[in-house]
Amino acid sequence: MSVLSTNVSACIGAGICANTAPEVFELDANGLVVIKTVEVEAAQVDSTDAAIAMCPAAALAWANKDA
């Protein structure tokens, strides 16, 4: 499993992450990113990679990504 991290203070609430990888990310009541699980299953890696790449605030990152 790969492990995620987020910088909530950098999040601008664009919602791209939640739309791109809804199984991994959601927005809280304030519109900021919440990681549903820090351990991302192999089947979710591609959508998570896309969400990380598209985040306009660069608020998402892999803390540890399995090869």
PDB file of N, CA and C in Angstrom:
ATOM      1  N   MET A   1       0.827  -1.185   0.000  1.00  0.00           N
ATOM      2  CA  MET A   1       0.000   0.000   0.000  1.00  0.00           C
ATOM      3  C   MET A   1       0.869   1.245   0.000  1.00  0.00           C
ATOM      4  N   SER A   2       0.367   2.267  -0.635  1.00  0.00           N
ATOM      5  CA  SER A   2       1.031   3.565  -0.654  1.00  0.00           C
ATOM      6  C   SER A   2       0.365   4.469   0.374  1.00  0.00           C
ATOM      7  N   VAL A   3       1.138   5.412   0.920  1.00  0.00           N
ATOM      8  CA  VAL A   3       0.656   6.270   1.990  1.00  0.00           C
ATOM      9  C   VAL A   3       0.628   7.730   1.532  1.00  0.00           C
ATOM     10  N   LEU A   4      -0.467   8.423   1.836  1.00  0.00           N
ATOM     11  CA  LEU A   4      -0.673   9.821   1.447  1.00  0.00           C
ATOM     12  C   LEU A   4      -0.415  10.786   2.585  1.00  0.00           C
ATOM     13  N   SER A   5      -0.130  12.022   2.199  1.00  0.00           N
ATOM     14  CA  SER A   5      -0.117  13.122   3.165  1.00  0.00           C
ATOM     15  C   SER A   5      -0.809  14.306   2.508  1.00  0.00           C
ATOM     16  N   THR A   6      -1.240  15.237   3.323  1.00  0.00           N
ATOM     17  CA  THR A   6      -1.894  16.434   2.801  1.00  0.00           C
ATOM     18  C   THR A   6      -1.493  17.640   3.630  1.00  0.00           C
ATOM     19  N   ASN A   7      -1.532  18.788   2.989  1.00  0.00           N
ATOM     20  CA  ASN A   7      -1.275  20.050   3.664  1.00  0.00           C
ATOM     21  C   ASN A   7      -2.596  20.827   3.629  1.00  0.00           C
ATOM     22  N   VAL A   8      -3.425  20.606   4.629  1.00  0.00           N
ATOM     23  CA  VAL A   8      -4.753  21.218   4.656  1.00  0.00           C
ATOM     24  C   VAL A   8      -4.667  22.741   4.664  1.00  0.00           C
ATOM     25  N   SER A   9      -3.635  23.291   5.278  1.00  0.00           N
ATOM     26  CA  SER A   9      -3.513  24.753   5.311  1.00  0.00           C
ATOM     27  C   SER A   9      -3.238  25.329   3.923  1.00  0.00           C
ATOM     28  N   ALA A  10      -2.752  24.521   2.996  1.00  0.00           N
ATOM     29  CA  ALA A  10      -2.522  24.978   1.624  1.00  0.00           C
ATOM     30  C   ALA A  10      -3.760  24.779   0.746  1.00  0.00           C
ATOM     31  N   CYS A  11      -4.667  23.919   1.164  1.00  0.00           N
ATOM     32  CA  CYS A  11      -5.845  23.587   0.371  1.00  0.00           C
ATOM     33  C   CYS A  11      -6.691  24.835   0.114  1.00  0.00           C
ATOM     34  N   ILE A  12      -7.136  24.985  -1.151  1.00  0.00           N
ATOM     35  CA  ILE A  12      -8.004  26.113  -1.516  1.00  0.00           C
ATOM     36  C   ILE A  12      -9.436  25.661  -1.804  1.00  0.00           C
ATOM     37  N   GLY A  13      -9.697  24.370  -1.622  1.00  0.00           N
ATOM     38  CA  GLY A  13     -11.053  23.859  -1.777  1.00  0.00           C
ATOM     39  C   GLY A  13     -11.539  23.746  -3.200  1.00  0.00           C
ATOM     40  N   ALA A  14     -10.644  23.544  -4.147  1.00  0.00           N
ATOM     41  CA  ALA A  14     -11.051  23.424  -5.543  1.00  0.00           C
ATOM     42  C   ALA A  14     -11.897  22.176  -5.785  1.00  0.00           C
ATOM     43  N   GLY A  15     -11.681  21.127  -5.012  1.00  0.00           N
ATOM     44  CA  GLY A  15     -12.482  19.919  -5.126  1.00  0.00           C
ATOM     45  C   GLY A  15     -12.063  18.953  -6.212  1.00  0.00           C
ATOM     46  N   ILE A  16     -10.999  19.262  -6.912  1.00  0.00           N
ATOM     47  CA  ILE A  16     -10.529  18.376  -7.982  1.00  0.00           C
ATOM     48  C   ILE A  16     -10.185  17.006  -7.424  1.00  0.00           C
ATOM     49  N   CYS A  17      -9.588  16.968  -6.259  1.00  0.00           N
ATOM     50  CA  CYS A  17      -9.198  15.693  -5.643  1.00  0.00           C
ATOM     51  C   CYS A  17     -10.416  14.817  -5.386  1.00  0.00           C
ATOM     52  N   ALA A  18     -11.448  15.393  -4.801  1.00  0.00           N
ATOM     53  CA  ALA A  18     -12.653  14.637  -4.473  1.00  0.00           C
ATOM     54  C   ALA A  18     -13.388  14.169  -5.724  1.00  0.00           C
ATOM     55  N   ASN A  19     -13.309  14.945  -6.789  1.00  0.00           N
ATOM     56  CA  ASN A  19     -13.935  14.542  -8.047  1.00  0.00           C
ATOM     57  C   ASN A  19     -13.124  13.491  -8.786  1.00  0.00           C
ATOM     58  N   THR A  20     -11.807  13.562  -8.676  1.00  0.00           N
ATOM     59  CA  THR A  20     -10.916  12.659  -9.400  1.00  0.00           C
ATOM     60  C   THR A  20     -10.732  11.329  -8.687  1.00  0.00           C
ATOM     61  N   ALA A  21     -10.650  11.362  -7.370  1.00  0.00           N
ATOM     62  CA  ALA A  21     -10.435  10.147  -6.576  1.00  0.00           C
ATOM     63  C   ALA A  21     -11.371  10.155  -5.363  1.00  0.00           C
ATOM     64  N   PRO A  22     -12.675  10.023  -5.604  1.00  0.00           N
ATOM     65  CA  PRO A  22     -13.636  10.124  -4.501  1.00  0.00           C
ATOM     66  C   PRO A  22     -13.518   9.012  -3.468  1.00  0.00           C
ATOM     67  N   GLU A  23     -12.888   7.922  -3.824  1.00  0.00           N
ATOM     68  CA  GLU A  23     -12.680   6.849  -2.863  1.00  0.00           C
ATOM     69  C   GLU A  23     -11.564   7.168  -1.871  1.00  0.00           C
ATOM     70  N   VAL A  24     -10.770   8.189  -2.183  1.00  0.00           N
ATOM     71  CA  VAL A  24      -9.622   8.561  -1.349  1.00  0.00           C
ATOM     72  C   VAL A  24      -9.815   9.925  -0.687  1.00  0.00           C
ATOM     73  N   PHE A  25     -10.410  10.879  -1.403  1.00  0.00           N
ATOM     74  CA  PHE A  25     -10.544  12.244  -0.910  1.00  0.00           C
ATOM     75  C   PHE A  25     -12.003  12.677  -0.826  1.00  0.00           C
ATOM     76  N   GLU A  26     -12.273  13.574   0.113  1.00  0.00           N
ATOM     77  CA  GLU A  26     -13.561  14.257   0.189  1.00  0.00           C
ATOM     78  C   GLU A  26     -13.298  15.653   0.736  1.00  0.00           C
ATOM     79  N   LEU A  27     -14.312  16.498   0.656  1.00  0.00           N
ATOM     80  CA  LEU A  27     -14.209  17.839   1.216  1.00  0.00           C
ATOM     81  C   LEU A  27     -15.018  17.900   2.499  1.00  0.00           C
ATOM     82  N   ASP A  28     -14.490  18.601   3.492  1.00  0.00           N
ATOM     83  CA  ASP A  28     -15.192  18.746   4.765  1.00  0.00           C
ATOM     84  C   ASP A  28     -16.235  19.868   4.670  1.00  0.00           C
ATOM     85  N   ALA A  29     -16.878  20.172   5.768  1.00  0.00           N
ATOM     86  CA  ALA A  29     -17.921  21.204   5.804  1.00  0.00           C
ATOM     87  C   ALA A  29     -17.402  22.579   5.421  1.00  0.00           C
ATOM     88  N   ASN A  30     -16.094  22.789   5.566  1.00  0.00           N
ATOM     89  CA  ASN A  30     -15.474  24.064   5.181  1.00  0.00           C
ATOM     90  C   ASN A  30     -14.958  24.048   3.750  1.00  0.00           C
ATOM     91  N   GLY A  31     -15.158  22.932   3.052  1.00  0.00           N
ATOM     92  CA  GLY A  31     -14.706  22.823   1.668  1.00  0.00           C
ATOM     93  C   GLY A  31     -13.245  22.478   1.512  1.00  0.00           C
ATOM     94  N   LEU A  32     -12.620  21.963   2.557  1.00  0.00           N
ATOM     95  CA  LEU A  32     -11.198  21.616   2.507  1.00  0.00           C
ATOM     96  C   LEU A  32     -11.015  20.109   2.446  1.00  0.00           C
ATOM     97  N   VAL A  33      -9.908  19.691   1.869  1.00  0.00           N
ATOM     98  CA  VAL A  33      -9.643  18.273   1.639  1.00  0.00           C
ATOM     99  C   VAL A  33      -9.543  17.478   2.942  1.00  0.00           C
ATOM    100  N   VAL A  34     -10.123  16.301   2.870  1.00  0.00           N
ATOM    101  CA  VAL A  34     -10.007  15.303   3.929  1.00  0.00           C
ATOM    102  C   VAL A  34      -9.606  14.012   3.236  1.00  0.00           C
ATOM    103  N   ILE A  35      -8.593  13.360   3.754  1.00  0.00           N
ATOM    104  CA  ILE A  35      -8.184  12.066   3.214  1.00  0.00           C
ATOM    105  C   ILE A  35      -9.009  10.998   3.910  1.00  0.00           C
ATOM    106  N   LYS A  36      -9.742  10.219   3.128  1.00  0.00           N
ATOM    107  CA  LYS A  36     -10.571   9.155   3.688  1.00  0.00           C
ATOM    108  C   LYS A  36      -9.719   8.012   4.225  1.00  0.00           C
ATOM    109  N   THR A  37      -8.591   7.768   3.580  1.00  0.00           N
ATOM    110  CA  THR A  37      -7.677   6.723   4.008  1.00  0.00           C
ATOM    111  C   THR A  37      -6.262   7.142   3.656  1.00  0.00           C
ATOM    112  N   VAL A  38      -5.326   7.003   4.564  1.00  0.00           N
ATOM    113  CA  VAL A  38      -3.935   7.364   4.254  1.00  0.00           C
ATOM    114  C   VAL A  38      -3.218   6.234   3.540  1.00  0.00           C
ATOM    115  N   GLU A  39      -3.769   5.032   3.621  1.00  0.00           N
ATOM    116  CA  GLU A  39      -3.188   3.879   2.933  1.00  0.00           C
ATOM    117  C   GLU A  39      -4.000   3.596   1.680  1.00  0.00           C
ATOM    118  N   VAL A  40      -3.432   3.929   0.533  1.00  0.00           N
ATOM    119  CA  VAL A  40      -4.135   3.821  -0.743  1.00  0.00           C
ATOM    120  C   VAL A  40      -3.888   2.443  -1.354  1.00  0.00           C
ATOM    121  N   GLU A  41      -4.967   1.767  -1.691  1.00  0.00           N
ATOM    122  CA  GLU A  41      -4.881   0.461  -2.324  1.00  0.00           C
ATOM    123  C   GLU A  41      -4.345   0.602  -3.745  1.00  0.00           C
ATOM    124  N   ALA A  42      -3.749  -0.455  -4.264  1.00  0.00           N
ATOM    125  CA  ALA A  42      -3.147  -0.439  -5.603  1.00  0.00           C
ATOM    126  C   ALA A  42      -4.147  -0.001  -6.673  1.00  0.00           C
ATOM    127  N   ALA A  43      -5.389  -0.404  -6.569  1.00  0.00           N
ATOM    128  CA  ALA A  43      -6.400  -0.060  -7.567  1.00  0.00           C
ATOM    129  C   ALA A  43      -6.741   1.424  -7.574  1.00  0.00           C
ATOM    130  N   GLN A  44      -6.379   2.143  -6.523  1.00  0.00           N
ATOM    131  CA  GLN A  44      -6.704   3.561  -6.406  1.00  0.00           C
ATOM    132  C   GLN A  44      -5.520   4.474  -6.706  1.00  0.00           C
ATOM    133  N   VAL A  45      -4.374   3.906  -6.998  1.00  0.00           N
ATOM    134  CA  VAL A  45      -3.158   4.704  -7.185  1.00  0.00           C
ATOM    135  C   VAL A  45      -3.255   5.626  -8.400  1.00  0.00           C
ATOM    136  N   ASP A  46      -3.755   5.135  -9.524  1.00  0.00           N
ATOM    137  CA  ASP A  46      -3.811   5.974 -10.728  1.00  0.00           C
ATOM    138  C   ASP A  46      -4.696   7.205 -10.535  1.00  0.00           C
ATOM    139  N   SER A  47      -5.883   7.024  -9.959  1.00  0.00           N
ATOM    140  CA  SER A  47      -6.763   8.177  -9.749  1.00  0.00           C
ATOM    141  C   SER A  47      -6.177   9.117  -8.699  1.00  0.00           C
ATOM    142  N   THR A  48      -5.491   8.559  -7.714  1.00  0.00           N
ATOM    143  CA  THR A  48      -4.847   9.387  -6.691  1.00  0.00           C
ATOM    144  C   THR A  48      -3.693  10.174  -7.292  1.00  0.00           C
ATOM    145  N   ASP A  49      -2.897   9.539  -8.141  1.00  0.00           N
ATOM    146  CA  ASP A  49      -1.815  10.244  -8.855  1.00  0.00           C
ATOM    147  C   ASP A  49      -2.377  11.417  -9.650  1.00  0.00           C
ATOM    148  N   ALA A  50      -3.493  11.190 -10.327  1.00  0.00           N
ATOM    149  CA  ALA A  50      -4.114  12.256 -11.128  1.00  0.00           C
ATOM    150  C   ALA A  50      -4.579  13.393 -10.236  1.00  0.00           C
ATOM    151  N   ALA A  51      -5.187  13.074  -9.113  1.00  0.00           N
ATOM    152  CA  ALA A  51      -5.656  14.108  -8.185  1.00  0.00           C
ATOM    153  C   ALA A  51      -4.490  14.933  -7.648  1.00  0.00           C
ATOM    154  N   ILE A  52      -3.414  14.268  -7.297  1.00  0.00           N
ATOM    155  CA  ILE A  52      -2.224  14.970  -6.801  1.00  0.00           C
ATOM    156  C   ILE A  52      -1.677  15.903  -7.877  1.00  0.00           C
ATOM    157  N   ALA A  53      -1.580  15.411  -9.095  1.00  0.00           N
ATOM    158  CA  ALA A  53      -1.021  16.203 -10.199  1.00  0.00           C
ATOM    159  C   ALA A  53      -1.886  17.415 -10.533  1.00  0.00           C
ATOM    160  N   MET A  54      -3.201  17.284 -10.378  1.00  0.00           N
ATOM    161  CA  MET A  54      -4.110  18.366 -10.755  1.00  0.00           C
ATOM    162  C   MET A  54      -4.406  19.351  -9.634  1.00  0.00           C
ATOM    163  N   CYS A  55      -3.980  19.064  -8.420  1.00  0.00           N
ATOM    164  CA  CYS A  55      -4.276  19.959  -7.301  1.00  0.00           C
ATOM    165  C   CYS A  55      -3.632  21.330  -7.533  1.00  0.00           C
ATOM    166  N   PRO A  56      -4.430  22.392  -7.671  1.00  0.00           N
ATOM    167  CA  PRO A  56      -3.872  23.712  -7.966  1.00  0.00           C
ATOM    168  C   PRO A  56      -3.068  24.307  -6.805  1.00  0.00           C
ATOM    169  N   ALA A  57      -3.266  23.792  -5.603  1.00  0.00           N
ATOM    170  CA  ALA A  57      -2.550  24.313  -4.432  1.00  0.00           C
ATOM    171  C   ALA A  57      -1.371  23.435  -4.036  1.00  0.00           C
ATOM    172  N   ALA A  58      -1.166  22.339  -4.768  1.00  0.00           N
ATOM    173  CA  ALA A  58      -0.107  21.374  -4.433  1.00  0.00           C
ATOM    174  C   ALA A  58      -0.206  20.951  -2.962  1.00  0.00           C
ATOM    175  N   ALA A  59      -1.437  20.694  -2.520  1.00  0.00           N
ATOM    176  CA  ALA A  59      -1.694  20.357  -1.123  1.00  0.00           C
ATOM    177  C   ALA A  59      -1.636  18.858  -0.849  1.00  0.00           C
ATOM    178  N   LEU A  60      -1.444  18.062  -1.891  1.00  0.00           N
ATOM    179  CA  LEU A  60      -1.447  16.609  -1.754  1.00  0.00           C
ATOM    180  C   LEU A  60      -0.102  16.041  -2.176  1.00  0.00           C
ATOM    181  N   ALA A  61       0.294  14.963  -1.518  1.00  0.00           N
ATOM    182  CA  ALA A  61       1.568  14.325  -1.874  1.00  0.00           C
ATOM    183  C   ALA A  61       1.586  12.900  -1.363  1.00  0.00           C
ATOM    184  N   TRP A  62       2.463  12.128  -1.936  1.00  0.00           N
ATOM    185  CA  TRP A  62       2.743  10.801  -1.411  1.00  0.00           C
ATOM    186  C   TRP A  62       3.766  10.937  -0.304  1.00  0.00           C
ATOM    187  N   ALA A  63       3.481  10.365   0.846  1.00  0.00           N
ATOM    188  CA  ALA A  63       4.453  10.304   1.928  1.00  0.00           C
ATOM    189  C   ALA A  63       5.359   9.097   1.697  1.00  0.00           C
ATOM    190  N   ASN A  64       4.776   8.072   1.098  1.00  0.00           N
ATOM    191  CA  ASN A  64       5.488   6.837   0.824  1.00  0.00           C
ATOM    192  C   ASN A  64       4.692   6.136  -0.275  1.00  0.00           C
ATOM    193  N   LYS A  65       5.281   6.000  -1.447  1.00  0.00           N
ATOM    194  CA  LYS A  65       4.574   5.357  -2.539  1.00  0.00           C
ATOM    195  C   LYS A  65       5.261   4.055  -2.910  1.00  0.00           C
ATOM    196  N   ASP A  66       4.495   2.969  -2.867  1.00  0.00           N
ATOM    197  CA  ASP A  66       5.015   1.671  -3.271  1.00  0.00           C
ATOM    198  C   ASP A  66       5.316   1.704  -4.755  1.00  0.00           C
ATOM    199  N   ALA A  67       6.350   1.021  -5.136  1.00  0.00           N
ATOM    200  CA  ALA A  67       6.732   0.961  -6.549  1.00  0.00           C
ATOM    201  C   ALA A  67       5.824   0.043  -7.316  1.00  0.00           C
TER     202      ALA A  67
END
